[in-house]
Protein backbone atom coordinates (compact mmCIF):
# COMPACT_ATOMS: atom_id res chain seq x y z
CA UNK A 1 166.33 194.69 40.75
CA UNK A 2 169.83 194.72 42.29
CA UNK A 3 169.15 191.27 43.76
CA UNK A 4 168.20 189.98 40.30
CA UNK A 5 171.42 191.36 38.80
CA UNK A 6 173.58 189.76 41.50
CA UNK A 7 171.79 186.43 41.16
CA UNK A 8 172.10 186.55 37.34
CA UNK A 9 175.84 187.23 37.56
CA UNK A 10 176.37 184.41 40.08
CA UNK A 11 174.37 181.97 37.97
CA UNK A 12 176.27 182.91 34.81
CA UNK A 13 179.65 182.49 36.49
CA UNK A 14 178.72 179.16 38.08
CA UNK A 15 177.22 177.82 34.89
CA UNK A 16 180.15 179.01 32.80
CA UNK A 17 182.49 176.76 34.71
CA UNK A 18 180.41 173.70 33.86
CA UNK A 19 179.23 174.78 30.41
CA UNK A 20 182.73 175.41 29.18
CA UNK A 21 184.57 172.75 31.18
CA UNK A 22 186.90 170.66 29.04
CA UNK A 23 187.84 167.13 30.16
CA UNK A 24 191.55 166.91 30.99
CA UNK A 25 192.24 164.46 28.15
CA UNK A 26 190.85 166.97 25.67
CA UNK A 27 192.28 170.05 27.39
CA UNK A 28 195.72 169.53 25.90
CA UNK A 29 194.32 169.69 22.37
CA UNK A 30 192.25 172.80 23.16
CA UNK A 31 194.93 174.81 24.92
CA UNK A 32 194.28 177.80 22.67
CA UNK A 33 190.58 178.00 23.52
CA UNK A 34 189.69 180.86 25.81
CA UNK A 35 186.46 181.37 27.70
CA UNK A 36 185.56 185.03 28.22
CA UNK A 37 183.15 186.71 30.62
CA UNK A 38 181.48 190.06 30.01
CA UNK A 39 179.44 192.57 31.97
CA UNK A 40 177.36 195.53 30.88
CA UNK A 41 177.72 198.25 33.51
CA UNK A 42 176.12 200.58 34.19
CA UNK A 43 173.12 199.99 31.96
CA UNK A 44 174.12 200.28 28.30
CA UNK A 45 171.84 202.31 26.06
CA UNK A 46 171.22 202.52 22.33
CA UNK A 47 168.84 204.55 20.19
CA UNK A 48 166.86 203.58 17.11
CA UNK A 49 167.63 206.36 14.62
CA UNK A 50 165.51 204.96 11.79
CA UNK A 51 162.96 202.69 13.47
CA UNK A 52 162.01 199.26 12.19
CA UNK A 53 160.06 196.21 13.29
CA UNK A 54 160.80 196.64 17.02
CA UNK A 55 161.15 200.38 17.41
CA UNK A 56 160.06 203.76 16.10
CA UNK A 57 162.62 206.46 15.25
CA UNK A 58 163.96 207.98 18.47
CA UNK A 59 163.03 205.01 20.69
CA UNK A 60 165.84 203.83 22.94
CA UNK A 61 166.73 200.75 24.97
CA UNK A 62 168.58 200.27 28.26
CA UNK A 63 170.27 196.89 28.73
CA UNK A 64 172.08 195.30 31.69
CA UNK A 65 173.53 191.83 31.90
CA UNK A 66 176.46 189.49 32.02
CA UNK A 67 177.61 186.30 30.44
CA UNK A 68 180.32 183.92 29.34
CA UNK A 69 181.27 182.74 25.88
CA UNK A 70 183.75 180.46 24.15
CA UNK A 71 184.47 181.60 20.57
CA UNK A 72 186.19 178.35 19.56
CA UNK A 73 183.28 176.20 20.77
CA UNK A 74 180.74 178.83 19.59
CA UNK A 75 178.88 178.68 22.92
CA UNK A 76 177.36 181.40 25.08
CA UNK A 77 175.52 181.65 28.38
CA UNK A 78 174.23 185.16 29.04
CA UNK A 79 171.24 187.17 30.16
CA UNK A 80 170.02 190.29 31.83
CA UNK A 81 167.31 192.92 31.82
CA UNK A 82 166.10 195.51 29.34
CA UNK A 83 163.73 198.46 29.14
CA UNK A 84 162.51 199.81 25.78
CA UNK A 85 161.47 203.48 25.93
CA UNK A 86 159.68 205.50 23.27
CA UNK A 87 161.12 208.84 22.12
CA UNK A 88 159.14 210.65 24.87
CA UNK A 89 160.64 208.44 27.60
CA UNK A 90 157.59 206.28 28.32
CA UNK A 91 158.22 202.55 28.87
CA UNK A 92 157.13 200.48 25.86
CA UNK A 93 158.41 197.10 27.02
CA UNK A 94 160.32 195.88 30.08
CA UNK A 95 161.66 192.42 30.84
CA UNK A 96 164.55 190.01 30.64
CA UNK A 97 166.78 188.86 27.80
CA UNK A 98 168.59 185.58 27.30
CA UNK A 99 171.24 184.64 24.76
CA UNK A 100 170.04 181.80 22.52
CA UNK A 101 172.92 181.68 20.06
CA UNK A 102 176.53 182.66 19.47
CA UNK A 103 177.17 184.36 16.12
CA UNK A 104 180.78 185.60 16.26
CA UNK A 105 183.53 187.28 18.25
CA UNK A 106 186.17 189.57 16.78
CA UNK A 107 188.83 190.26 19.40
CA UNK A 108 191.02 193.37 19.53
CA UNK A 109 193.43 192.09 22.17
CA UNK A 110 193.88 192.76 25.88
CA UNK A 111 195.18 195.75 27.81
CA UNK A 112 197.59 195.71 30.78
CA UNK A 113 194.66 195.09 33.17
CA UNK A 114 193.56 191.96 31.30
CA UNK A 115 190.44 193.54 29.81
CA UNK A 116 189.76 192.42 26.26
CA UNK A 117 188.45 194.50 23.41
CA UNK A 118 186.20 193.11 20.73
CA UNK A 119 182.77 192.74 19.19
CA UNK A 120 180.57 189.88 20.39
CA UNK A 121 177.54 189.09 18.21
CA UNK A 122 174.68 187.07 19.69
CA UNK A 123 171.11 186.06 19.05
CA UNK A 124 168.80 186.77 22.01
CA UNK A 125 165.24 186.28 23.16
CA UNK A 126 163.31 189.06 24.94
CA UNK A 127 160.61 188.16 27.44
CA UNK A 128 158.58 191.35 27.76
CA UNK A 129 156.71 191.28 31.08
CA UNK A 130 154.79 194.51 30.46
CA UNK A 131 153.33 193.29 27.15
CA UNK A 132 153.15 189.60 28.06
CA UNK A 133 155.03 188.47 24.97
CA UNK A 134 158.26 186.80 23.89
CA UNK A 135 160.33 187.92 20.90
CA UNK A 136 162.94 185.51 19.49
CA UNK A 137 165.78 185.68 17.01
CA UNK A 138 166.89 189.20 17.95
CA UNK A 139 170.45 190.18 16.91
CA UNK A 140 172.54 191.84 19.62
CA UNK A 141 176.14 193.08 19.58
CA UNK A 142 178.33 193.90 22.56
CA UNK A 143 181.39 196.04 21.84
CA UNK A 144 184.37 196.76 24.10
CA UNK A 145 186.68 199.37 22.60
CA UNK A 146 189.85 198.23 24.41
CA UNK A 147 192.54 198.24 21.68
CA UNK A 148 189.85 198.87 19.05
CA UNK A 149 190.77 200.32 15.68
CA UNK A 150 189.20 203.70 14.84
CA UNK A 151 185.48 203.75 14.15
CA UNK A 152 184.18 201.48 16.93
CA UNK A 153 181.78 202.72 19.65
CA UNK A 154 181.59 201.14 23.11
CA UNK A 155 178.25 199.60 24.02
CA UNK A 156 175.43 197.47 22.71
CA UNK A 157 173.14 197.33 19.73
CA UNK A 158 169.88 195.38 19.72
CA UNK A 159 167.94 194.88 16.48
CA UNK A 160 166.64 198.34 15.44
CA UNK A 161 168.57 200.05 18.27
CA UNK A 162 171.70 200.49 16.16
CA UNK A 163 173.36 203.53 17.72
CA UNK A 164 175.09 202.94 21.10
CA UNK A 165 174.68 205.97 23.36
CA UNK A 166 176.13 205.02 26.74
CA UNK A 167 177.45 202.43 29.12
CA UNK A 168 180.58 200.40 29.60
CA UNK A 169 181.41 196.88 28.47
CA UNK A 170 184.02 194.76 30.23
CA UNK A 171 185.28 191.57 28.56
CA UNK A 172 188.00 189.48 30.14
CA UNK A 173 189.27 185.90 29.97
CA UNK A 174 187.83 183.56 32.58
CA UNK A 175 190.72 182.09 34.55
CA UNK A 176 190.28 178.51 35.70
């Protein structure tokens, strides 16, 4: 599992450089565009307080991953792993997730260490190995509370898992 995480992070970083590369002739006109990278560490968790199409009340999800995104270009390259547990702690579904769409990014600004706060909204696909199925069009948010106004909670939400319960999110600009 650790090998998969390291390989995923390396692939995201390498791909981000080419995915978000701007030709030098265009770079001058896009000087305000910033590419960001994020990591979810340790695993971020969220609970489903009310249930829904993907979860029963009390189910919870554990998510790891990393990615890069460009809010101005509305592009994202991200992925990781997830485990969906029922309220008793038994595994319901385990697999990998991949970002398939960028929805929005609301930034809160950076701290002295260069870490950015904000809410990143994505659309993801889950490939559940334990159930042998793929679920598409899943909304996911990633929140870093650096410089956040009151009322924000650090972590992730995924579809019916709307209450973040643990983990850390790091967002920072990708320096070229």
